[in-house]
Amino acid sequence: MTTDHAAVERLARGLPLPEALDCSSARSWAALDLGVRVLAWESPHLLPAHDWAAGRRPRWEWDAPLLSARLRRPSPGEGELALALCHPDGRIREAALGRAAGAPALVPLVIVRCADWAGPVRERARALLAQVPASALVPWAELVLLLSVRAQGGFALDLLGRALHEGPAGRVETLLMSNDRATRRFAHRIALDRRLLSPVRLARIAAGCGDATLQDLCADEAMATMDGQDHAEVLVTLLAARAPRVRAAGVTALRRTGRHDEARAFLADRSGVVRACARYVLRQGGTDPLPLYRSMCAAPAEHPGAGAGLGECGVPADAGMLWPLLAHPLPAVRLHAVTGLRALDAVTRERLTPLLDDPSPAVVRAATRALLPDAAGFSREWLCDRAAGDRPRPVRVAAQRLLRAAGHACPSS
């Protein structure tokens, strides 16, 4: 957890809350809480004394009974209350909570105090937060989830969960597009529990988001809930997704809908998991994918990934179809041919070494991975020469990896 000393100093100098910190940021409040405690020990003179300090103690040890009396007057502002709500002395924090009721700007710190390590502070904060309208709690979902990992962080999370499960669907909708990953995931899980998202929308979310957890969550739910009316659109969306795991889910769903033969189009997919799913679906439909791969490798330009698929389900003799593909003009064909040869355990150092100079960095990386088990067979002097600074970067990186795999010192590392 980070601290925000600058925000603490600005508050201590009397700046209003909106000028002292980013009040819309959950992490700003958590950093303020930690920052006050750190500065209270390191630089107690920065905290405002006013009438809150007892005088006979260091300023971080404010007298709680005196503070309670001072807090009954209308003078403390939101900034001063914010500092008191974060103070190292639990009596100060508890007393400040008595003045935080009815102050919407301080709801984030009430949430923070619900996870307080001091029982009396925690219980008073929880009683206060229970009275906060759900409409004022939901916007702070990110902060609630940030604090939920703490030992006492479950209370606010339970309140938030009830507010989203029982309240209007619009509350959940507002969080589905949150910039915070944990908040998005939490909101989507609740949306799934409440059946707020149609299968088509779930498929679109899975295909359009970059979060692997949401991709799996939404793709699985889309397939589980789709019916005869929308399964075509769901499948089209999943199968066209950029993410391999989403395409794989779509390919697997072809079996459920009885469209086994459509998996042929994904046998040569660039992703290994998609290729594996396509083979599974075809076999379930009674089709052996191996002959299909062999015919695809005869026209590699149309099916660049076929070489990898052939290696994944072929026999050792199929390596004979892959070696010529290493000289193919398309880098993708060469890349997948190397992958297929590795899968068949047919790699030979002499025949694959020329690919360490391939113009495609992806092919160089694939060849390097394939040659790592045989790295000791390379001359150290030859590898060191290739690791020199005047070599292209992919060549240098490949040489360094092979040197390390062979147990030699890397001259460029």
Protein backbone atom coordinates (compact mmCIF):
# COMPACT_ATOMS: atom_id res chain seq x y z
CA MET A 1 0.00 0.00 0.00
CA THR A 2 1.40 3.40 -0.95
CA THR A 3 1.33 6.55 1.13
CA ASP A 4 0.47 10.09 0.12
CA HIS A 5 2.51 12.43 2.26
CA ALA A 6 1.81 15.41 0.03
CA ALA A 7 -1.95 15.09 0.50
CA VAL A 8 -1.50 14.85 4.27
CA GLU A 9 0.63 17.99 4.28
CA ARG A 10 -1.90 19.88 2.18
CA LEU A 11 -4.71 18.92 4.54
CA ALA A 12 -2.58 19.82 7.56
CA ARG A 13 -2.05 23.27 6.08
CA GLY A 14 -5.79 23.80 5.81
CA LEU A 15 -6.49 23.08 2.14
CA PRO A 16 -10.01 21.79 1.43
CA LEU A 17 -10.37 18.08 0.71
CA PRO A 18 -10.94 18.44 -3.06
CA GLU A 19 -7.73 20.47 -3.36
CA ALA A 20 -5.67 18.24 -1.11
CA LEU A 21 -6.24 14.89 -2.86
CA ASP A 22 -8.08 13.19 -5.68
CA CYS A 23 -11.35 12.52 -3.89
CA SER A 24 -12.61 10.30 -6.72
CA SER A 25 -9.76 7.81 -6.38
CA ALA A 26 -10.11 4.85 -4.03
CA ARG A 27 -6.35 4.49 -3.75
CA SER A 28 -6.00 8.15 -2.76
CA TRP A 29 -8.07 7.54 0.36
CA ALA A 30 -6.16 4.39 1.29
CA ALA A 31 -2.87 6.22 0.72
CA LEU A 32 -4.09 9.14 2.84
CA ASP A 33 -4.95 6.79 5.70
CA LEU A 34 -1.47 5.29 5.69
CA GLY A 35 0.20 8.63 5.05
CA VAL A 36 -1.32 10.25 8.13
CA ARG A 37 -0.04 7.48 10.38
CA VAL A 38 3.44 7.56 8.88
CA LEU A 39 3.77 11.34 9.13
CA ALA A 40 2.28 11.36 12.63
CA TRP A 41 5.37 9.50 13.76
CA GLU A 42 7.95 10.98 11.41
CA SER A 43 6.78 14.62 11.39
CA PRO A 44 4.20 15.21 14.13
CA HIS A 45 4.55 18.98 13.77
CA LEU A 46 2.78 18.79 10.41
CA LEU A 47 -0.52 17.72 11.94
CA PRO A 48 -2.72 20.60 13.11
CA ALA A 49 -2.68 21.05 16.86
CA HIS A 50 -5.45 23.67 17.23
CA ASP A 51 -7.47 22.92 20.36
CA TRP A 52 -7.29 19.19 19.76
CA ALA A 53 -3.82 18.71 21.23
CA ALA A 54 -3.37 18.11 24.92
CA GLY A 55 -0.04 19.88 24.99
CA ARG A 56 1.54 17.64 27.57
CA ARG A 57 2.06 14.80 25.07
CA PRO A 58 3.66 14.52 21.65
CA ARG A 59 1.21 15.84 19.11
CA TRP A 60 0.41 12.43 17.65
CA GLU A 61 -0.89 11.40 21.07
CA TRP A 62 -3.79 13.81 21.17
CA ASP A 63 -5.98 13.56 24.23
CA ALA A 64 -9.12 11.71 23.12
CA PRO A 65 -11.46 13.03 25.86
CA LEU A 66 -10.40 16.61 25.08
CA LEU A 67 -10.87 15.91 21.39
CA SER A 68 -14.34 14.56 22.01
CA ALA A 69 -15.26 17.82 23.70
CA ARG A 70 -13.79 19.86 20.86
CA LEU A 71 -15.60 17.79 18.25
CA ARG A 72 -18.92 18.74 19.80
CA ARG A 73 -18.39 22.28 18.55
CA PRO A 74 -18.97 23.14 14.88
CA SER A 75 -15.42 24.28 14.14
CA PRO A 76 -13.64 21.18 12.73
CA GLY A 77 -13.77 21.16 8.95
CA GLU A 78 -13.80 18.17 6.63
CA GLY A 79 -10.03 18.30 6.17
CA GLU A 80 -9.39 18.27 9.91
CA LEU A 81 -11.91 15.46 10.36
CA ALA A 82 -10.22 13.50 7.59
CA LEU A 83 -6.89 13.72 9.41
CA ALA A 84 -8.55 12.70 12.68
CA LEU A 85 -10.23 9.73 11.02
CA CYS A 86 -6.79 8.46 9.99
CA HIS A 87 -5.00 9.27 13.24
CA PRO A 88 -2.78 6.60 14.89
CA ASP A 89 -4.68 6.95 18.18
CA GLY A 90 -7.83 4.84 18.02
CA ARG A 91 -9.60 7.15 20.47
CA ILE A 92 -9.09 10.02 18.04
CA ARG A 93 -10.45 7.98 15.16
CA GLU A 94 -13.46 6.85 17.17
CA ALA A 95 -14.25 10.38 18.30
CA ALA A 96 -13.94 11.72 14.75
CA LEU A 97 -16.44 9.13 13.54
CA GLY A 98 -19.00 10.80 15.76
CA ARG A 99 -18.71 13.91 13.59
CA ALA A 100 -18.50 12.10 10.24
CA ALA A 101 -22.21 11.27 10.12
CA GLY A 102 -23.97 13.30 7.46
CA ALA A 103 -20.72 14.20 5.69
CA PRO A 104 -20.86 12.50 2.25
CA ALA A 105 -17.30 13.58 1.47
CA LEU A 106 -16.03 11.43 4.35
CA VAL A 107 -17.85 8.20 3.43
CA PRO A 108 -14.60 6.77 1.96
CA LEU A 109 -12.85 7.12 5.31
CA VAL A 110 -15.82 5.58 7.12
CA ILE A 111 -15.37 2.60 4.78
CA VAL A 112 -11.68 2.52 5.65
CA ARG A 113 -12.45 2.57 9.37
CA CYS A 114 -14.85 -0.40 8.97
CA ALA A 115 -11.69 -2.48 8.51
CA ASP A 116 -9.92 -0.80 11.44
CA TRP A 117 -7.71 -2.92 13.66
CA ALA A 118 -9.26 -1.36 16.81
CA GLY A 119 -12.57 -2.98 17.73
CA PRO A 120 -14.37 0.12 19.13
CA VAL A 121 -13.41 2.16 16.06
CA ARG A 122 -14.44 -0.63 13.73
CA GLU A 123 -17.84 -1.13 15.37
CA ARG A 124 -18.66 2.57 15.39
CA ALA A 125 -17.69 2.89 11.74
CA ARG A 126 -19.80 -0.11 10.81
CA ALA A 127 -22.83 1.27 12.59
CA LEU A 128 -22.32 4.51 10.70
CA LEU A 129 -21.83 2.85 7.32
CA ALA A 130 -24.95 0.73 7.79
CA GLN A 131 -26.93 3.98 7.78
CA VAL A 132 -25.37 5.23 4.53
CA PRO A 133 -27.75 4.87 1.56
CA ALA A 134 -26.77 2.23 -0.96
CA SER A 135 -26.61 4.92 -3.62
CA ALA A 136 -23.75 6.53 -1.67
CA LEU A 137 -21.93 3.24 -1.05
CA VAL A 138 -21.95 1.76 -4.58
CA PRO A 139 -19.73 4.49 -6.09
CA TRP A 140 -17.03 3.40 -3.63
CA ALA A 141 -17.03 -0.23 -4.75
CA GLU A 142 -13.37 -0.01 -5.75
CA LEU A 143 -12.37 1.13 -2.27
CA VAL A 144 -14.52 -1.56 -0.63
CA LEU A 145 -12.88 -4.24 -2.75
CA LEU A 146 -9.42 -2.79 -2.16
CA LEU A 147 -9.95 -3.09 1.59
CA SER A 148 -11.73 -6.44 1.47
CA VAL A 149 -8.38 -8.27 1.56
CA ARG A 150 -7.78 -6.98 5.08
CA ALA A 151 -8.58 -9.22 8.02
CA GLN A 152 -11.58 -7.05 8.95
CA GLY A 153 -12.54 -6.02 5.44
CA GLY A 154 -15.61 -8.20 4.99
CA PHE A 155 -18.29 -5.95 6.51
CA ALA A 156 -18.30 -3.27 3.83
CA LEU A 157 -18.03 -5.94 1.15
CA ASP A 158 -21.15 -7.65 2.48
CA LEU A 159 -23.03 -4.34 2.48
CA LEU A 160 -21.94 -3.67 -1.08
CA GLY A 161 -22.93 -7.16 -2.19
CA ARG A 162 -26.41 -6.77 -0.72
CA ALA A 163 -26.82 -3.33 -2.29
CA LEU A 164 -25.98 -4.73 -5.71
CA HIS A 165 -27.90 -7.98 -5.37
CA GLU A 166 -31.08 -6.41 -4.02
CA GLY A 167 -31.08 -2.94 -5.54
CA PRO A 168 -31.95 -1.70 -9.02
CA ALA A 169 -30.13 -3.30 -11.93
CA GLY A 170 -28.76 0.13 -12.85
CA ARG A 171 -26.41 0.00 -9.86
CA VAL A 172 -24.75 -3.09 -11.29
CA GLU A 173 -24.68 -1.65 -14.79
CA THR A 174 -22.70 1.36 -13.62
CA LEU A 175 -19.92 -0.89 -12.35
CA LEU A 176 -19.67 -3.22 -15.34
CA MET A 177 -17.50 -0.71 -17.20
CA SER A 178 -15.44 0.37 -14.20
CA ASN A 179 -11.80 1.21 -14.82
CA ASP A 180 -10.90 -1.01 -11.87
CA ARG A 181 -10.45 -4.68 -12.75
CA ALA A 182 -11.60 -6.05 -9.38
CA THR A 183 -14.74 -3.91 -9.51
CA ARG A 184 -15.57 -5.08 -13.05
CA ARG A 185 -15.17 -8.71 -12.05
CA PHE A 186 -17.29 -8.27 -8.92
CA ALA A 187 -20.04 -6.52 -10.87
CA HIS A 188 -20.07 -9.13 -13.61
CA ARG A 189 -20.38 -11.96 -11.11
CA ILE A 190 -23.37 -10.25 -9.53
CA ALA A 191 -24.84 -9.56 -12.95
CA LEU A 192 -24.55 -13.27 -13.73
CA ASP A 193 -26.16 -14.22 -10.42
CA ARG A 194 -29.07 -11.89 -11.21
CA ARG A 195 -29.29 -13.00 -14.86
CA LEU A 196 -28.98 -9.40 -16.02
CA LEU A 197 -26.93 -10.20 -19.14
CA SER A 198 -28.23 -12.00 -22.21
CA PRO A 199 -26.14 -14.75 -23.83
CA VAL A 200 -25.42 -12.50 -26.82
CA ARG A 201 -24.22 -9.68 -24.60
CA LEU A 202 -22.09 -12.08 -22.59
CA ALA A 203 -20.48 -13.32 -25.79
CA ARG A 204 -19.75 -9.75 -26.84
CA ILE A 205 -18.19 -8.97 -23.47
CA ALA A 206 -16.02 -12.10 -23.65
CA ALA A 207 -14.91 -11.25 -27.19
CA GLY A 208 -14.27 -7.58 -26.52
CA CYS A 209 -12.55 -7.44 -23.14
CA GLY A 210 -8.90 -8.07 -22.38
CA ASP A 211 -9.45 -9.63 -18.94
CA ALA A 212 -8.86 -13.39 -19.08
CA THR A 213 -11.04 -13.98 -16.01
CA LEU A 214 -13.98 -12.14 -17.55
CA GLN A 215 -13.38 -13.85 -20.88
CA ASP A 216 -13.76 -17.27 -19.26
CA LEU A 217 -16.61 -16.20 -17.00
CA CYS A 218 -18.72 -14.62 -19.73
CA ALA A 219 -17.93 -17.13 -22.47
CA ASP A 220 -18.85 -20.06 -20.23
CA GLU A 221 -22.08 -18.40 -19.13
CA ALA A 222 -22.98 -17.43 -22.68
CA MET A 223 -22.65 -21.04 -23.80
CA ALA A 224 -24.53 -22.36 -20.76
CA THR A 225 -27.51 -20.03 -21.20
CA MET A 226 -27.84 -19.71 -24.98
CA ASP A 227 -30.89 -21.22 -26.59
CA GLY A 228 -32.02 -21.99 -30.11
CA GLN A 229 -32.89 -18.38 -30.83
CA ASP A 230 -29.56 -16.81 -30.04
CA HIS A 231 -26.97 -19.60 -30.27
CA ALA A 232 -26.03 -18.66 -33.85
CA GLU A 233 -25.13 -15.08 -32.88
CA VAL A 234 -23.37 -16.25 -29.74
CA LEU A 235 -21.21 -18.67 -31.70
CA VAL A 236 -20.39 -16.18 -34.44
CA THR A 237 -19.26 -13.68 -31.81
CA LEU A 238 -17.14 -16.16 -29.87
CA LEU A 239 -15.55 -17.72 -32.95
CA ALA A 240 -14.50 -14.31 -34.28
CA ALA A 241 -12.89 -13.22 -30.99
CA ARG A 242 -9.29 -12.10 -30.92
CA ALA A 243 -8.55 -13.90 -27.65
CA PRO A 244 -7.67 -17.59 -28.15
CA ARG A 245 -9.47 -18.70 -25.00
CA VAL A 246 -12.71 -17.15 -26.27
CA ARG A 247 -12.36 -18.71 -29.73
CA ALA A 248 -11.67 -22.03 -28.03
CA ALA A 249 -14.89 -21.70 -26.05
CA GLY A 250 -16.78 -21.04 -29.26
CA VAL A 251 -15.22 -24.03 -31.01
CA THR A 252 -16.12 -26.27 -28.08
CA ALA A 253 -19.71 -25.00 -28.23
CA LEU A 254 -19.97 -26.27 -31.82
CA ARG A 255 -20.23 -29.77 -30.42
CA ARG A 256 -23.15 -28.82 -28.21
CA THR A 257 -25.06 -27.39 -31.14
CA GLY A 258 -24.32 -30.34 -33.39
CA ARG A 259 -22.19 -28.28 -35.79
CA HIS A 260 -19.12 -30.49 -35.52
CA ASP A 261 -17.95 -30.06 -39.09
CA GLU A 262 -17.52 -26.29 -38.68
CA ALA A 263 -14.56 -27.00 -36.41
CA ARG A 264 -12.50 -27.81 -39.54
CA ALA A 265 -11.97 -24.09 -40.06
CA PHE A 266 -10.08 -23.91 -36.75
CA LEU A 267 -7.77 -26.91 -37.15
CA ALA A 268 -5.01 -24.58 -38.34
CA ASP A 269 -5.73 -21.76 -35.90
CA ARG A 270 -2.70 -19.81 -34.72
CA SER A 271 -3.48 -20.86 -31.13
CA GLY A 272 -2.66 -24.33 -29.87
CA VAL A 273 -5.63 -24.43 -27.48
CA VAL A 274 -8.04 -23.59 -30.31
CA ARG A 275 -6.50 -26.28 -32.51
CA ALA A 276 -6.89 -28.83 -29.70
CA CYS A 277 -10.55 -27.90 -29.23
CA ALA A 278 -11.17 -28.20 -32.97
CA ARG A 279 -9.66 -31.70 -33.04
CA TYR A 280 -11.79 -32.72 -30.07
CA VAL A 281 -15.02 -31.50 -31.67
CA LEU A 282 -14.25 -33.20 -34.97
CA ARG A 283 -13.46 -36.49 -33.26
CA GLN A 284 -16.71 -36.24 -31.32
CA GLY A 285 -18.44 -35.90 -34.66
CA GLY A 286 -16.68 -38.94 -36.07
CA THR A 287 -13.97 -37.20 -38.12
CA ASP A 288 -10.27 -37.97 -37.80
CA PRO A 289 -8.35 -34.68 -38.06
CA LEU A 290 -5.01 -36.26 -39.05
CA PRO A 291 -5.79 -36.73 -42.75
CA LEU A 292 -7.14 -33.21 -42.85
CA TYR A 293 -3.88 -31.85 -41.48
CA ARG A 294 -1.87 -33.77 -44.03
CA SER A 295 -3.89 -32.32 -46.88
CA MET A 296 -3.60 -28.81 -45.39
CA CYS A 297 0.19 -29.10 -45.20
CA ALA A 298 0.19 -29.71 -48.93
CA ALA A 299 -1.18 -26.15 -49.32
CA PRO A 300 0.55 -24.36 -46.41
CA ALA A 301 -0.02 -20.83 -47.67
CA GLU A 302 -3.77 -21.32 -47.17
CA HIS A 303 -3.34 -22.95 -43.75
CA PRO A 304 -0.15 -21.59 -42.07
CA GLY A 305 -0.96 -23.20 -38.73
CA ALA A 306 -1.45 -26.67 -40.18
CA GLY A 307 2.18 -27.62 -39.54
CA ALA A 308 1.76 -27.15 -35.80
CA GLY A 309 -1.50 -29.10 -35.81
CA LEU A 310 0.06 -31.97 -37.75
CA GLY A 311 2.84 -32.21 -35.19
CA GLU A 312 0.34 -32.18 -32.32
CA CYS A 313 -1.61 -35.20 -33.56
CA GLY A 314 0.66 -36.83 -36.13
CA VAL A 315 3.14 -39.69 -36.11
CA PRO A 316 6.95 -39.45 -36.41
CA ALA A 317 6.80 -40.08 -40.14
CA ASP A 318 4.83 -36.84 -40.57
CA ALA A 319 8.02 -34.90 -39.86
CA GLY A 320 8.87 -35.51 -43.50
CA MET A 321 6.03 -33.16 -44.49
CA LEU A 322 7.24 -30.45 -42.13
CA TRP A 323 10.93 -30.16 -42.98
CA PRO A 324 10.28 -28.61 -46.42
CA LEU A 325 8.01 -26.01 -44.78
CA LEU A 326 11.03 -24.49 -42.99
CA ALA A 327 11.98 -22.89 -46.31
CA HIS A 328 8.51 -21.55 -47.09
CA PRO A 329 8.39 -17.81 -47.90
CA LEU A 330 5.66 -17.12 -45.32
CA PRO A 331 7.06 -16.62 -41.79
CA ALA A 332 3.89 -18.05 -40.22
CA VAL A 333 4.37 -21.31 -42.11
CA ARG A 334 7.99 -21.58 -40.97
CA LEU A 335 6.99 -20.74 -37.40
CA HIS A 336 4.30 -23.42 -37.18
CA ALA A 337 6.53 -25.96 -38.91
CA VAL A 338 9.07 -25.54 -36.10
CA THR A 339 6.27 -25.94 -33.54
CA GLY A 340 5.14 -29.13 -35.25
CA LEU A 341 8.63 -30.58 -35.34
CA ARG A 342 9.03 -29.90 -31.63
CA ALA A 343 5.72 -31.64 -30.93
CA LEU A 344 6.91 -34.68 -32.90
CA ASP A 345 10.26 -34.63 -31.07
CA ALA A 346 11.91 -34.51 -34.48
CA VAL A 347 14.19 -31.50 -33.96
CA THR A 348 17.76 -31.85 -35.15
CA ARG A 349 20.31 -29.17 -34.39
CA GLU A 350 21.96 -29.16 -37.80
CA ARG A 351 18.72 -28.65 -39.74
CA LEU A 352 17.22 -26.04 -37.41
CA THR A 353 20.33 -23.91 -36.78
CA PRO A 354 19.91 -21.86 -40.01
CA LEU A 355 16.62 -20.53 -38.62
CA LEU A 356 18.57 -18.68 -35.92
CA ASP A 357 19.27 -16.16 -38.71
CA ASP A 358 15.70 -16.07 -40.01
CA PRO A 359 14.45 -12.57 -40.92
CA SER A 360 11.36 -13.15 -38.74
CA PRO A 361 12.01 -12.61 -35.01
CA ALA A 362 9.11 -14.97 -34.22
CA VAL A 363 10.75 -17.77 -36.19
CA VAL A 364 14.09 -17.10 -34.48
CA ARG A 365 12.41 -17.35 -31.08
CA ALA A 366 10.66 -20.59 -32.04
CA ALA A 367 13.90 -22.11 -33.34
CA THR A 368 15.70 -21.05 -30.17
CA ARG A 369 13.10 -22.73 -27.95
CA ALA A 370 13.40 -25.88 -30.03
CA LEU A 371 17.20 -25.90 -29.77
CA LEU A 372 17.53 -25.13 -26.06
CA PRO A 373 17.65 -28.84 -25.02
CA ASP A 374 20.61 -29.30 -27.37
CA ALA A 375 22.34 -26.04 -26.46
CA ALA A 376 25.47 -27.84 -25.22
CA GLY A 377 26.12 -28.99 -28.76
CA PHE A 378 26.90 -25.46 -29.92
CA SER A 379 30.40 -24.05 -29.76
CA ARG A 380 30.75 -21.46 -27.03
CA GLU A 381 32.89 -19.29 -29.29
CA TRP A 382 30.27 -19.43 -32.04
CA LEU A 383 27.50 -18.41 -29.67
CA CYS A 384 29.58 -15.61 -28.12
CA ASP A 385 30.31 -14.24 -31.57
CA ARG A 386 26.58 -14.17 -32.29
CA ALA A 387 25.91 -12.42 -28.99
CA ALA A 388 28.11 -9.48 -29.98
CA GLY A 389 26.61 -6.02 -30.09
CA ASP A 390 26.81 -5.67 -33.86
CA ARG A 391 24.39 -8.55 -34.41
CA PRO A 392 20.63 -8.02 -34.87
CA ARG A 393 18.79 -8.08 -31.58
CA PRO A 394 16.88 -11.35 -32.20
CA VAL A 395 20.19 -13.07 -33.01
CA ARG A 396 21.84 -11.69 -29.86
CA VAL A 397 18.94 -12.76 -27.64
CA ALA A 398 18.91 -16.25 -29.16
CA ALA A 399 22.65 -16.64 -28.60
CA GLN A 400 22.38 -15.44 -25.01
CA ARG A 401 19.58 -17.90 -24.25
CA LEU A 402 21.55 -20.78 -25.74
CA LEU A 403 24.66 -19.76 -23.82
CA ARG A 404 22.74 -19.77 -20.54
CA ALA A 405 21.08 -23.11 -21.38
CA ALA A 406 24.54 -24.58 -22.04
CA GLY A 407 25.80 -23.28 -18.68
CA HIS A 408 28.18 -20.68 -20.13
CA ALA A 409 28.65 -17.12 -18.96
CA CYS A 410 26.80 -14.68 -21.19
CA PRO A 411 29.15 -11.91 -22.38
CA SER A 412 26.35 -9.41 -22.96
CA SER A 413 24.42 -9.98 -19.72
